[in-house]
Amino acid sequence: MNSNTRFPDFFTDAPRITVRDPLAQFLGAAEDGVIEYSYADVVKLAGHSCPTVASAFLMARAALAALYPGVLPERGGVRVDMPEPADEGVSGVIGSVIGMITGAAGAGGFHGIGGRFDRRALLSFGVPVLAGPRLSRIDTGAAVSVSVRMERVPGDPRMRGLLQQCMTGTATPEEEARFRVLWQDRVRRLLVEHCNDPQLVEVDPL
C-alpha cells in the first residue's frame, strides 16, 4: 500500500507491539486476530510525535509484556485506569495511546456483539490513588502500574530557546529546522536507545 506520509527514518527502528484481538479474529479483520502496532500508528492517532506519545507507547509495551509473559497480549482483555482526569495535562494523550493498543475504551467504545467483545468501561480517568497508569487483566486480575522517568533522557538545552522563537514567529527557517531535528532526536533516543531501559520505564506489580 502506497503512502504519501514521510516519517523520520528512526520510526522504523522503534520497537513494535504485537497483540491478539479476539474481535478482529471473529470478524476476519486480521488473521488469527494478530495485530502489530508501530510507533507510526500512534503518531497517526495523536497527530504528532513527542516525548509524551513515545513514553505512552513504551509504557503500554512494558506493561503488556509484564502482564502476558511469553504470550501475545489480548487486546480488549485489559482494563486501563489513569490517575488524572482526561483533560488534565497529558493524561488524555497517554490514555488515548494506551487505549489504542489495548483496545480499552470509555463510554464511546465498541458495545460488543451478543454480549461479547464489549470495550466500554475499560478506560477510566481520574483515579487519584494511582501514581501512574494501571493496567489490569480482566481474566486473571493481574495488574501492574507503570511510570516513566523522562529525566533519564533529557532534551537538548537549546530546544527551549528555539521553541520560544518558533512560537513567537521570530525563528529563522534554519532555526525552525534545527528545533524540529532536536525535538525528534529526543523522541528517537527514547524509542531506540532507551526502549529497554528499566530505569526509564518502571513496571510495578500490584
Protein backbone atom coordinates (compact mmCIF):
# COMPACT_ATOMS: atom_id res chain seq x y z
CA MET A 1 0.00 0.00 0.00
CA ASN A 2 1.46 3.32 -1.07
CA SER A 3 1.54 6.26 1.33
CA ASN A 4 2.41 9.91 0.90
CA THR A 5 3.30 10.19 4.58
CA ARG A 6 7.02 10.57 5.23
CA PHE A 7 8.04 9.98 8.82
CA PRO A 8 11.53 10.35 10.31
CA ASP A 9 13.71 7.36 9.50
CA PHE A 10 14.05 6.28 13.12
CA PHE A 11 10.35 5.40 13.27
CA THR A 12 11.22 2.11 11.57
CA ASP A 13 13.86 1.38 14.24
CA ALA A 14 11.42 1.77 17.12
CA PRO A 15 10.02 -1.39 18.74
CA ARG A 16 6.64 -2.74 17.74
CA ILE A 17 3.83 -4.12 19.87
CA THR A 18 2.02 -7.26 18.74
CA VAL A 19 -1.31 -8.24 20.27
CA ARG A 20 -4.10 -10.70 19.58
CA ASP A 21 -7.57 -9.24 19.27
CA PRO A 22 -10.40 -11.81 19.51
CA LEU A 23 -12.81 -9.33 17.92
CA ALA A 24 -10.54 -8.86 14.91
CA GLN A 25 -10.31 -12.63 14.59
CA PHE A 26 -14.08 -13.09 14.93
CA LEU A 27 -14.83 -10.57 12.19
CA GLY A 28 -11.93 -11.57 9.94
CA ALA A 29 -10.18 -8.22 10.21
CA ALA A 30 -6.80 -9.83 10.91
CA GLU A 31 -5.63 -13.42 10.50
CA ASP A 32 -5.80 -15.15 13.89
CA GLY A 33 -6.58 -11.74 15.34
CA VAL A 34 -2.90 -10.78 15.37
CA ILE A 35 -2.31 -7.04 15.07
CA GLU A 36 1.02 -5.23 15.14
CA TYR A 37 1.28 -1.62 16.26
CA SER A 38 4.18 0.59 15.28
CA TYR A 39 5.13 3.97 16.65
CA ALA A 40 3.91 5.47 13.39
CA ASP A 41 0.44 4.09 14.16
CA VAL A 42 0.16 6.02 17.43
CA VAL A 43 1.61 9.13 15.79
CA LYS A 44 -1.26 8.94 13.29
CA LEU A 45 -3.66 8.72 16.23
CA ALA A 46 -2.13 11.62 18.14
CA GLY A 47 -1.30 13.69 15.09
CA HIS A 48 2.20 14.42 16.34
CA SER A 49 5.39 12.81 17.62
CA CYS A 50 6.64 13.94 21.01
CA PRO A 51 8.18 12.51 24.18
CA THR A 52 4.72 12.06 25.71
CA VAL A 53 3.44 9.97 22.81
CA ALA A 54 6.67 7.97 22.76
CA SER A 55 6.58 7.34 26.51
CA ALA A 56 2.93 6.23 26.36
CA PHE A 57 3.85 3.75 23.64
CA LEU A 58 6.72 2.41 25.73
CA MET A 59 4.60 2.22 28.88
CA ALA A 60 1.96 0.18 27.06
CA ARG A 61 4.66 -2.12 25.68
CA ALA A 62 6.30 -2.70 29.06
CA ALA A 63 3.05 -3.19 30.95
CA LEU A 64 1.67 -5.70 28.44
CA ALA A 65 4.92 -7.65 28.45
CA ALA A 66 4.69 -7.91 32.24
CA LEU A 67 1.03 -8.94 32.20
CA TYR A 68 1.42 -11.52 29.41
CA PRO A 69 4.89 -13.04 29.78
CA GLY A 70 5.76 -15.23 26.81
CA VAL A 71 2.40 -14.92 25.06
CA LEU A 72 0.62 -12.33 22.93
CA PRO A 73 -1.36 -9.82 24.99
CA GLU A 74 -5.11 -9.96 24.46
CA ARG A 75 -6.43 -6.71 23.05
CA GLY A 76 -9.75 -5.99 24.68
CA GLY A 77 -8.77 -8.05 27.71
CA VAL A 78 -7.11 -5.24 29.67
CA ARG A 79 -8.57 -2.53 31.86
CA VAL A 80 -6.70 0.80 31.94
CA ASP A 81 -7.01 3.28 34.80
CA MET A 82 -5.42 6.70 34.58
CA PRO A 83 -4.57 8.72 37.71
CA GLU A 84 -5.55 12.13 36.35
CA PRO A 85 -8.69 13.42 34.60
CA ALA A 86 -8.66 13.19 30.82
CA ASP A 87 -8.47 16.97 30.44
CA GLU A 88 -5.57 17.44 32.83
CA GLY A 89 -2.03 17.75 31.49
CA VAL A 90 -1.17 15.00 29.03
CA SER A 91 -3.43 12.38 30.65
CA GLY A 92 -5.80 12.29 27.69
CA VAL A 93 -3.00 11.79 25.19
CA ILE A 94 -1.43 8.98 27.21
CA GLY A 95 -4.80 7.33 27.73
CA SER A 96 -5.60 7.52 24.02
CA VAL A 97 -2.33 5.85 23.03
CA ILE A 98 -2.59 3.10 25.63
CA GLY A 99 -6.25 2.66 24.80
CA MET A 100 -5.50 2.23 21.11
CA ILE A 101 -3.01 -0.54 21.78
CA THR A 102 -5.01 -2.34 24.46
CA GLY A 103 -8.46 -1.77 22.99
CA ALA A 104 -9.62 -0.20 26.24
CA ALA A 105 -12.28 2.47 25.71
CA GLY A 106 -14.72 4.59 27.64
CA ALA A 107 -18.43 5.08 27.08
CA GLY A 108 -17.91 5.64 23.37
CA GLY A 109 -16.19 2.32 22.79
CA PHE A 110 -17.47 -0.70 20.89
CA HIS A 111 -20.57 -2.09 22.61
CA GLY A 112 -19.94 -5.71 21.65
CA ILE A 113 -21.74 -8.45 19.78
CA GLY A 114 -24.14 -10.70 21.61
CA GLY A 115 -22.61 -9.85 24.96
CA ARG A 116 -19.04 -10.40 23.78
CA PHE A 117 -16.21 -8.04 22.85
CA ASP A 118 -17.59 -5.07 24.81
CA ARG A 119 -14.80 -2.49 25.02
CA ARG A 120 -16.71 0.11 27.03
CA ALA A 121 -15.82 0.93 30.63
CA LEU A 122 -12.29 -0.41 30.14
CA LEU A 123 -10.64 3.04 30.17
CA SER A 124 -11.10 5.26 33.21
CA PHE A 125 -9.60 8.60 34.16
CA GLY A 126 -9.23 10.39 37.46
CA VAL A 127 -8.30 7.52 39.78
CA PRO A 128 -6.36 9.61 42.32
CA VAL A 129 -4.90 6.73 44.34
CA LEU A 130 -2.66 5.82 41.42
CA ALA A 131 0.80 7.21 40.81
CA GLY A 132 0.77 6.19 37.14
CA PRO A 133 -1.37 4.26 34.67
CA ARG A 134 -2.64 0.91 35.95
CA LEU A 135 -3.24 -1.94 33.52
CA SER A 136 -5.20 -4.97 34.72
CA ARG A 137 -6.01 -8.26 33.04
CA ILE A 138 -9.74 -8.93 33.06
CA ASP A 139 -9.33 -12.72 33.05
CA THR A 140 -6.84 -13.16 35.88
CA GLY A 141 -6.99 -9.86 37.75
CA ALA A 142 -3.22 -9.45 37.47
CA ALA A 143 -2.32 -5.77 37.47
CA VAL A 144 0.70 -3.52 37.13
CA SER A 145 1.34 0.17 37.47
CA VAL A 146 3.69 1.80 35.04
CA SER A 147 5.59 5.06 35.11
CA VAL A 148 8.25 6.79 33.09
CA ARG A 149 11.25 8.81 34.26
CA MET A 150 11.66 11.33 31.48
CA GLU A 151 14.71 12.88 33.14
CA ARG A 152 16.62 9.79 32.04
CA VAL A 153 16.52 11.17 28.50
CA PRO A 154 16.74 14.96 28.74
CA GLY A 155 16.14 17.26 25.83
CA ASP A 156 18.86 19.32 24.22
CA PRO A 157 19.23 22.58 26.24
CA ARG A 158 18.93 24.57 23.02
CA MET A 159 15.35 23.44 22.48
CA ARG A 160 13.75 25.79 24.99
CA GLY A 161 15.07 28.92 23.33
CA LEU A 162 14.33 27.60 19.86
CA LEU A 163 10.79 26.65 20.89
CA GLN A 164 10.16 30.15 22.17
CA GLN A 165 11.44 31.65 18.93
CA CYS A 166 9.25 29.31 16.87
CA MET A 167 6.19 30.13 18.97
CA THR A 168 6.72 33.89 18.68
CA GLY A 169 7.49 33.75 14.98
CA THR A 170 10.99 35.13 15.36
CA ALA A 171 12.85 31.96 14.36
CA THR A 172 14.59 31.80 11.00
CA PRO A 173 13.83 28.84 8.70
CA GLU A 174 17.17 27.36 9.76
CA GLU A 175 16.27 27.71 13.46
CA GLU A 176 12.87 26.14 12.86
CA ALA A 177 14.54 23.21 11.13
CA ARG A 178 17.07 22.86 13.95
CA PHE A 179 14.27 22.81 16.53
CA ARG A 180 12.43 20.03 14.70
CA VAL A 181 15.61 17.95 14.47
CA LEU A 182 16.40 18.37 18.16
CA TRP A 183 12.80 17.67 19.18
CA GLN A 184 12.61 14.43 17.24
CA ASP A 185 16.10 13.40 18.35
CA ARG A 186 14.87 13.19 21.92
CA VAL A 187 11.98 11.02 20.74
CA ARG A 188 14.48 8.86 18.86
CA ARG A 189 16.62 8.38 21.93
CA LEU A 190 13.58 7.37 23.96
CA LEU A 191 12.31 4.86 21.41
CA VAL A 192 15.56 3.44 20.07
CA GLU A 193 18.35 3.90 22.58
CA HIS A 194 16.29 3.54 25.77
CA CYS A 195 13.33 1.38 24.74
CA ASN A 196 14.51 -1.45 27.01
CA ASP A 197 15.89 0.73 29.79
CA PRO A 198 14.26 -0.44 33.06
CA GLN A 199 15.21 2.86 34.66
CA LEU A 200 13.22 4.76 32.04
CA VAL A 201 10.00 2.75 32.13
CA GLU A 202 9.29 1.24 35.53
CA VAL A 203 6.69 -1.52 35.94
CA ASP A 204 5.47 -2.47 39.41
CA PRO A 205 3.21 -5.49 40.06
CA LEU A 206 0.13 -4.70 42.15
